[in-house]
Amino acid sequence: MIYEDMPVIKSWEELGFTDDYMFKLVLSKHPKLIIRLLEIILQVKVREIKFKETEKQIKNSYEGHGIRFDLYVEDENNTVYDIEMQTGYYSSVRLAKRMRFYQGAFDVDDLAAGQDYIVLKKSIIIFLCPFKFLDGQRCIYTFQNYCQQDKSILLPDDTTKIVISSQGSITPDTPKALIPILNYMNGRKADSSFTKEIDDAIKLEKNIETERMSYMTYEMKIREFEQAGYHHGMRDGRREGIREGQLESIKTLMKNTKWSAEKAMDSIGIAKSMQKEYLAMLQTT
C-alpha cells in the first residue's frame, strides 16, 4: 500500500488556497473555478468539465490510502486533467518522479481492463507549487516528450506535465492572468477578479458548519495516523539522521580533499554494497 505524504495540520480558520484540503474542497464544489484556472494556465477556452471521480471518492482521498487525484476532470474534448496542489516542499527530482508516478496511475485509472492503449485520452497533469522548481528561473514549466536527436519531433503520446511555481521568476511568456494567482499562492491579498472569487469561495466554505465538522473528523484521522506511526517514525528518524550525517561528511571530504565520492565513502566506512545508493542520494542533494 502506498501512502501520500502526511499534510501539515492547521486549524479550520487557518486553511487557505495552498492547503490541500481547502484546495480540493473549494474547487470541487465550485467547478467554474477549475474551468477558469485551466483557461489561465493553458491559454485555451474550456467550455465545460465533468468530474472523473464521484464526491464520495474525493472525500475518501482524505483517508490517505493509495493515490487519489486532487481534481480529476475531463473536458468537452475528452482531455483529462489532474490538478494537484503540492502542499509540502519537494526537491525538483522528487517532484519530477512524483509526476511520473502520477502519470502511470493516471493511465491505469483511465484504461479499462482489456482495452487497447490507443484509447488512452489526452492527459495534462498540473502541479501547483508554492515553492521554487529547478533553478527558479521560471514560474511555469511545460513538459512534453521530444526526440533528443531532433527536437522538432514530438512523441505522440498525448501527455503533458505542467509545473506552476509561485516562487519562480516571472518571464515574458508568463500569462498575465496567472500573475495574481502566483501572488495569491505566495500569501498576498487577492487582487484580481479570479483570486477574489477563490477567496470568497473559501470564506463561504468556512462559514458552513458541516464542512468545519468534516474537517475536524479529517484532522482527528490524520492525528491517529501520526500517533500510530510515532514509534516507527522515531526508529526511521534515527536511521535517517545517521544517513544525513554521513552524506554531509562525504560532501565535506570531497570538497576539502578533492577525493572522489567512492574514496570519501570508503574513508568513513560506507559498505560497498551501499555506495550505489549513497551516490544516487548525492546526485539529488
Protein backbone atom coordinates (compact mmCIF):
# COMPACT_ATOMS: atom_id res chain seq x y z
CA MET A 1 0.00 0.00 0.00
CA ILE A 2 1.32 3.43 -0.97
CA TYR A 3 0.59 6.41 1.24
CA GLU A 4 0.71 10.06 0.33
CA ASP A 5 2.82 12.39 2.45
CA MET A 6 1.06 13.43 5.59
CA PRO A 7 -0.19 17.03 5.44
CA VAL A 8 0.62 19.72 7.97
CA ILE A 9 -2.37 20.04 10.29
CA LYS A 10 -3.79 23.56 10.59
CA SER A 11 -6.89 24.86 12.28
CA TRP A 12 -10.02 25.28 10.14
CA GLU A 13 -9.64 29.06 10.34
CA GLU A 14 -6.04 28.96 9.10
CA LEU A 15 -6.72 26.98 5.92
CA GLY A 16 -6.11 28.77 2.62
CA PHE A 17 -5.81 28.15 -1.11
CA THR A 18 -2.44 26.39 -0.90
CA ASP A 19 -3.66 23.94 1.76
CA ASP A 20 -4.54 20.64 0.15
CA TYR A 21 -7.83 20.14 2.00
CA MET A 22 -9.23 23.59 1.21
CA PHE A 23 -7.94 23.50 -2.36
CA LYS A 24 -9.82 20.26 -3.03
CA LEU A 25 -12.92 21.32 -1.18
CA VAL A 26 -13.39 24.72 -2.81
CA LEU A 27 -12.58 23.77 -6.38
CA SER A 28 -14.55 20.53 -6.30
CA LYS A 29 -17.63 22.45 -5.09
CA HIS A 30 -17.08 25.35 -7.47
CA PRO A 31 -16.18 23.76 -10.85
CA LYS A 32 -16.33 27.12 -12.65
CA LEU A 33 -13.13 27.98 -10.78
CA ILE A 34 -11.47 24.88 -12.24
CA ILE A 35 -12.50 25.93 -15.74
CA ARG A 36 -11.09 29.41 -15.26
CA LEU A 37 -7.87 28.07 -13.74
CA LEU A 38 -7.36 25.74 -16.72
CA GLU A 39 -8.06 28.57 -19.16
CA ILE A 40 -5.48 30.81 -17.48
CA ILE A 41 -2.76 28.17 -17.32
CA LEU A 42 -3.32 26.61 -20.75
CA GLN A 43 -4.40 29.77 -22.58
CA VAL A 44 -7.28 27.90 -24.23
CA LYS A 45 -11.06 28.03 -23.98
CA VAL A 46 -12.71 25.34 -21.85
CA ARG A 47 -16.49 25.22 -22.16
CA GLU A 48 -17.30 22.57 -19.60
CA ILE A 49 -15.81 19.86 -17.40
CA LYS A 50 -17.05 16.79 -15.63
CA PHE A 51 -15.51 15.08 -12.63
CA LYS A 52 -13.90 11.70 -13.22
CA GLU A 53 -14.40 10.79 -9.54
CA THR A 54 -17.57 10.86 -7.50
CA GLU A 55 -17.89 13.09 -4.45
CA LYS A 56 -17.59 10.01 -2.25
CA GLN A 57 -14.27 9.09 -3.86
CA ILE A 58 -12.99 12.64 -3.40
CA LYS A 59 -13.85 12.58 0.31
CA ASN A 60 -12.27 9.15 0.72
CA SER A 61 -9.00 10.62 -0.53
CA TYR A 62 -8.52 12.26 2.86
CA GLU A 63 -8.10 8.85 4.46
CA GLY A 64 -4.67 8.74 2.83
CA HIS A 65 -4.94 5.32 1.15
CA GLY A 66 -3.09 4.91 -2.14
CA ILE A 67 -3.21 7.54 -4.87
CA ARG A 68 -6.18 9.85 -5.07
CA PHE A 69 -6.09 12.71 -7.53
CA ASP A 70 -6.86 16.17 -6.12
CA LEU A 71 -9.01 17.37 -9.02
CA TYR A 72 -9.52 14.74 -11.71
CA VAL A 73 -11.69 16.15 -14.51
CA GLU A 74 -12.44 15.77 -18.21
CA ASP A 75 -13.37 18.49 -20.68
CA GLU A 76 -15.70 18.51 -23.69
CA ASN A 77 -12.83 17.38 -25.95
CA ASN A 78 -12.19 14.23 -23.87
CA THR A 79 -8.94 15.62 -22.48
CA VAL A 80 -8.43 14.54 -18.88
CA TYR A 81 -6.73 16.72 -16.28
CA ASP A 82 -5.20 16.09 -12.88
CA ILE A 83 -4.69 19.32 -10.94
CA GLU A 84 -2.66 18.98 -7.75
CA MET A 85 -1.69 21.43 -5.03
CA GLN A 86 1.70 20.39 -3.66
CA THR A 87 1.46 21.42 -0.02
CA GLY A 88 4.88 20.23 1.14
CA TYR A 89 8.28 21.21 -0.20
CA TYR A 90 9.73 18.73 -2.69
CA SER A 91 13.13 18.70 -4.34
CA SER A 92 12.91 19.09 -8.13
CA VAL A 93 13.93 15.47 -8.66
CA ARG A 94 11.37 14.14 -6.21
CA LEU A 95 8.64 16.30 -7.71
CA ALA A 96 9.50 15.07 -11.21
CA LYS A 97 9.42 11.45 -10.08
CA ARG A 98 6.11 12.14 -8.34
CA MET A 99 4.66 13.42 -11.62
CA ARG A 100 5.98 10.34 -13.39
CA PHE A 101 4.25 8.10 -10.84
CA TYR A 102 1.02 10.08 -11.13
CA GLN A 103 1.09 9.73 -14.92
CA GLY A 104 1.26 5.96 -14.56
CA ALA A 105 -1.58 5.90 -12.05
CA PHE A 106 -3.50 8.30 -14.27
CA ASP A 107 -3.24 5.99 -17.29
CA VAL A 108 -4.10 2.83 -15.36
CA ASP A 109 -7.17 4.56 -13.98
CA ASP A 110 -8.24 5.71 -17.45
CA LEU A 111 -7.75 2.38 -19.25
CA ALA A 112 -10.36 -0.30 -18.59
CA ALA A 113 -9.30 -3.94 -18.48
CA GLY A 114 -8.93 -5.39 -21.95
CA GLN A 115 -8.92 -2.03 -23.75
CA ASP A 116 -6.28 -1.15 -26.32
CA TYR A 117 -3.70 1.52 -25.41
CA ILE A 118 -4.87 3.60 -28.36
CA VAL A 119 -7.98 4.61 -26.41
CA LEU A 120 -5.93 6.40 -23.75
CA LYS A 121 -7.11 10.00 -23.70
CA LYS A 122 -5.00 13.12 -23.99
CA SER A 123 -3.87 13.94 -20.47
CA ILE A 124 -2.49 17.00 -18.73
CA ILE A 125 -1.08 16.90 -15.20
CA ILE A 126 -0.73 20.25 -13.44
CA PHE A 127 1.19 20.66 -10.18
CA LEU A 128 0.73 23.96 -8.34
CA CYS A 129 3.81 24.50 -6.16
CA PRO A 130 4.22 27.34 -3.61
CA PHE A 131 7.99 26.92 -3.82
CA LYS A 132 10.79 27.10 -6.40
CA PHE A 133 11.21 24.39 -9.02
CA LEU A 134 14.53 23.53 -10.71
CA ASP A 135 16.59 26.74 -10.94
CA GLY A 136 13.71 29.07 -10.05
CA GLN A 137 14.17 30.96 -13.31
CA ARG A 138 10.58 30.40 -14.39
CA CYS A 139 7.15 30.28 -12.80
CA ILE A 140 5.58 28.00 -15.42
CA TYR A 141 7.19 24.90 -16.92
CA THR A 142 5.52 22.78 -19.60
CA PHE A 143 6.98 19.36 -20.37
CA GLN A 144 6.34 17.03 -23.29
CA ASN A 145 8.42 14.21 -24.77
CA TYR A 146 10.68 15.19 -27.66
CA CYS A 147 13.24 13.28 -29.73
CA GLN A 148 16.73 14.10 -28.49
CA GLN A 149 18.16 13.87 -32.00
CA ASP A 150 15.55 16.19 -33.47
CA LYS A 151 13.69 18.49 -31.07
CA SER A 152 11.09 19.22 -33.76
CA ILE A 153 9.76 15.67 -33.35
CA LEU A 154 7.19 15.30 -30.58
CA LEU A 155 6.38 11.83 -29.24
CA PRO A 156 2.64 11.45 -29.98
CA ASP A 157 1.74 10.03 -26.58
CA ASP A 158 -0.68 12.91 -25.82
CA THR A 159 0.78 13.60 -22.37
CA THR A 160 1.73 16.97 -20.90
CA LYS A 161 3.06 17.85 -17.47
CA ILE A 162 2.94 21.42 -16.18
CA VAL A 163 4.57 22.84 -13.04
CA ILE A 164 3.34 26.19 -11.73
CA SER A 165 5.96 27.53 -9.31
CA SER A 166 4.76 30.59 -7.39
CA GLN A 167 8.30 31.31 -6.15
CA GLY A 168 9.79 31.22 -9.65
CA SER A 169 10.64 34.28 -11.73
CA ILE A 170 8.06 36.00 -13.92
CA THR A 171 9.14 35.69 -17.57
CA PRO A 172 7.85 37.45 -20.72
CA ASP A 173 5.84 34.37 -21.68
CA THR A 174 4.05 34.20 -18.32
CA PRO A 175 0.30 34.64 -18.89
CA LYS A 176 -0.69 37.96 -17.29
CA ALA A 177 -3.76 36.43 -15.67
CA LEU A 178 -1.51 33.89 -13.93
CA ILE A 179 0.49 36.51 -12.01
CA PRO A 180 -2.27 37.33 -9.46
CA ILE A 181 -2.66 33.59 -8.81
CA LEU A 182 1.08 33.29 -8.12
CA ASN A 183 0.88 36.26 -5.75
CA TYR A 184 -2.13 34.72 -4.02
CA MET A 185 -0.27 31.42 -3.61
CA ASN A 186 2.58 33.42 -2.02
CA GLY A 187 0.23 34.72 0.66
CA ARG A 188 -0.63 38.12 -0.82
CA LYS A 189 -4.11 39.56 -0.79
CA ALA A 190 -6.44 38.55 -3.61
CA ASP A 191 -6.21 41.38 -6.16
CA SER A 192 -7.86 40.04 -9.32
CA SER A 193 -11.43 39.08 -10.09
CA PHE A 194 -10.44 35.40 -10.20
CA THR A 195 -8.43 35.30 -6.96
CA LYS A 196 -11.16 37.31 -5.23
CA GLU A 197 -13.66 34.73 -6.42
CA ILE A 198 -11.50 31.97 -4.92
CA ASP A 199 -11.11 33.96 -1.71
CA ASP A 200 -14.87 34.48 -1.45
CA ALA A 201 -15.48 30.77 -2.04
CA ILE A 202 -13.04 29.88 0.77
CA LYS A 203 -14.79 32.30 3.14
CA LEU A 204 -18.14 30.80 2.15
CA GLU A 205 -16.98 27.26 2.92
CA LYS A 206 -15.52 28.31 6.26
CA ASN A 207 -18.95 29.51 7.34
CA ILE A 208 -20.56 26.13 6.63
CA GLU A 209 -20.74 24.23 9.90
CA THR A 210 -20.95 20.79 8.28
CA GLU A 211 -17.72 21.46 6.38
CA ARG A 212 -15.98 22.58 9.55
CA MET A 213 -17.11 19.37 11.28
CA SER A 214 -15.92 17.28 8.32
CA TYR A 215 -12.50 18.90 8.61
CA MET A 216 -12.39 18.18 12.35
CA THR A 217 -13.06 14.50 11.58
CA TYR A 218 -10.30 14.55 8.97
CA GLU A 219 -7.94 16.24 11.43
CA MET A 220 -8.61 13.55 14.03
CA LYS A 221 -7.95 10.84 11.43
CA ILE A 222 -4.58 12.36 10.50
CA ARG A 223 -3.57 12.61 14.15
CA GLU A 224 -4.46 8.94 14.58
CA PHE A 225 -2.13 8.10 11.69
CA GLU A 226 0.60 10.21 13.30
CA GLN A 227 0.21 8.53 16.70
CA ALA A 228 0.11 5.04 15.18
CA GLY A 229 3.34 5.73 13.31
CA TYR A 230 5.16 7.55 16.10
CA HIS A 231 7.45 4.76 17.30
CA HIS A 232 8.07 3.53 13.77
CA GLY A 233 8.92 7.10 12.78
CA MET A 234 11.30 7.54 15.69
CA ARG A 235 13.21 4.45 14.61
CA ASP A 236 13.28 5.53 10.98
CA GLY A 237 14.17 9.08 12.01
CA ARG A 238 17.28 7.92 13.83
CA ARG A 239 18.32 5.92 10.78
CA GLU A 240 17.64 8.90 8.52
CA GLY A 241 19.62 11.20 10.80
CA ILE A 242 22.66 8.91 10.64
CA ARG A 243 22.40 8.75 6.85
CA GLU A 244 22.14 12.55 6.53
CA GLY A 245 25.20 12.95 8.76
CA GLN A 246 27.14 10.51 6.61
CA LEU A 247 26.14 12.35 3.43
CA GLU A 248 27.35 15.64 4.90
CA SER A 249 30.66 14.03 5.87
CA ILE A 250 31.10 12.66 2.34
CA LYS A 251 30.41 16.07 0.78
CA THR A 252 32.78 17.79 3.19
CA LEU A 253 35.58 15.32 2.45
CA MET A 254 35.05 15.66 -1.30
CA LYS A 255 35.20 19.45 -1.03
CA ASN A 256 38.20 19.70 1.29
CA THR A 257 40.35 16.85 -0.09
CA LYS A 258 39.19 16.68 -3.74
CA TRP A 259 38.61 12.95 -3.18
CA SER A 260 36.15 11.02 -5.31
CA ALA A 261 32.83 10.12 -3.73
CA GLU A 262 33.91 6.46 -3.56
CA LYS A 263 37.13 7.29 -1.69
CA ALA A 264 35.25 9.55 0.72
CA MET A 265 32.73 6.77 1.40
CA ASP A 266 35.50 4.24 1.96
CA SER A 267 37.16 6.58 4.45
CA ILE A 268 34.09 6.77 6.68
CA GLY A 269 33.24 3.09 6.39
CA ILE A 270 30.29 3.05 3.98
CA ALA A 271 29.90 -0.56 2.79
CA LYS A 272 30.49 -1.20 -0.92
CA SER A 273 27.00 -2.67 -1.18
CA MET A 274 25.53 0.68 -0.03
CA GLN A 275 27.68 3.04 -2.09
CA LYS A 276 25.47 2.98 -5.19
CA GLU A 277 22.51 4.14 -3.08
CA TYR A 278 24.61 6.91 -1.48
CA LEU A 279 25.85 8.06 -4.90
CA ALA A 280 22.25 8.41 -6.06
CA MET A 281 21.41 10.46 -2.96
CA LEU A 282 24.44 12.71 -3.51
CA GLN A 283 23.21 13.49 -7.02
CA THR A 284 19.82 14.68 -5.73
CA THR A 285 21.05 16.88 -2.88
